[in-house]
Amino acid sequence: MIIPVRCMGCSKPVAQLWEEYQEQVSKGTDKKTALDNVGLKRYCCRGLFLGHIDLIDTVAQFKKS
């Protein structure tokens, strides 16, 4: 739901890069190029970003009873 603060494979801090990555992808930049531009070189960090589905807006619609 929310991007993890650190990569689960190598423990590199990655949360601060998420918004910049999303901005570049929304502008039409290729995902590979966007990952290179934000500085993600390791396959574990790249996989974390490529496999992430942002569901926070969907979950926020429901109230806890």
Protein backbone atom coordinates (compact mmCIF):
# COMPACT_ATOMS: atom_id res chain seq x y z
CA MET A 1 0.00 0.00 0.00
CA ILE A 2 2.68 2.49 0.99
CA ILE A 3 6.16 2.17 -0.46
CA PRO A 4 8.52 0.68 2.13
CA VAL A 5 11.09 3.00 3.69
CA ARG A 6 13.94 0.61 2.88
CA CYS A 7 14.49 -2.04 0.24
CA MET A 8 13.71 -5.46 1.64
CA GLY A 9 16.68 -7.03 -0.11
CA CYS A 10 19.59 -4.68 0.53
CA SER A 11 18.21 -2.21 3.14
CA LYS A 12 18.90 0.83 0.95
CA PRO A 13 16.53 3.76 1.76
CA VAL A 14 14.15 4.08 -1.21
CA ALA A 15 10.97 5.81 0.01
CA GLN A 16 12.23 9.31 -0.85
CA LEU A 17 12.65 8.26 -4.50
CA TRP A 18 9.06 7.09 -5.04
CA GLU A 19 7.48 10.48 -5.83
CA GLU A 20 10.22 11.42 -8.28
CA TYR A 21 9.85 8.04 -10.00
CA GLN A 22 6.06 8.40 -10.25
CA GLU A 23 6.43 11.92 -11.64
CA GLN A 24 8.80 10.78 -14.37
CA VAL A 25 6.60 7.82 -15.35
CA SER A 26 3.50 10.04 -15.50
CA LYS A 27 5.35 12.39 -17.88
CA GLY A 28 5.86 9.47 -20.26
CA THR A 29 9.42 8.44 -19.44
CA ASP A 30 10.14 4.75 -19.92
CA LYS A 31 10.16 2.87 -16.58
CA LYS A 32 13.70 1.61 -17.11
CA THR A 33 14.96 5.13 -17.78
CA ALA A 34 13.03 6.52 -14.80
CA LEU A 35 14.59 3.92 -12.49
CA ASP A 36 18.04 4.82 -13.81
CA ASN A 37 17.34 8.54 -13.35
CA VAL A 38 16.34 8.20 -9.68
CA GLY A 39 19.47 6.14 -8.99
CA LEU A 40 18.13 2.62 -8.51
CA LYS A 41 20.78 0.22 -9.82
CA ARG A 42 20.22 -3.00 -7.85
CA TYR A 43 17.63 -5.48 -9.09
CA CYS A 44 16.04 -5.80 -5.62
CA CYS A 45 15.29 -2.05 -5.44
CA ARG A 46 14.09 -1.94 -9.04
CA GLY A 47 11.79 -4.91 -8.45
CA LEU A 48 10.35 -3.22 -5.37
CA PHE A 49 9.33 -0.19 -7.44
CA LEU A 50 8.10 -2.16 -10.46
CA GLY A 51 6.04 -4.56 -8.34
CA HIS A 52 4.48 -1.93 -6.09
CA ILE A 53 0.77 -1.18 -6.49
CA ASP A 54 -0.36 2.04 -4.82
CA LEU A 55 -3.60 1.16 -3.00
CA ILE A 56 -3.59 3.84 -0.29
CA ASP A 57 -6.39 5.84 -1.97
CA THR A 58 -8.58 2.74 -2.26
CA VAL A 59 -8.03 1.68 1.34
CA ALA A 60 -8.59 5.21 2.65
CA GLN A 61 -12.21 5.07 1.47
CA PHE A 62 -13.12 2.51 4.12
CA LYS A 63 -13.57 3.34 7.78
CA LYS A 64 -12.48 1.13 10.64
CA SER A 65 -15.55 -0.02 12.57
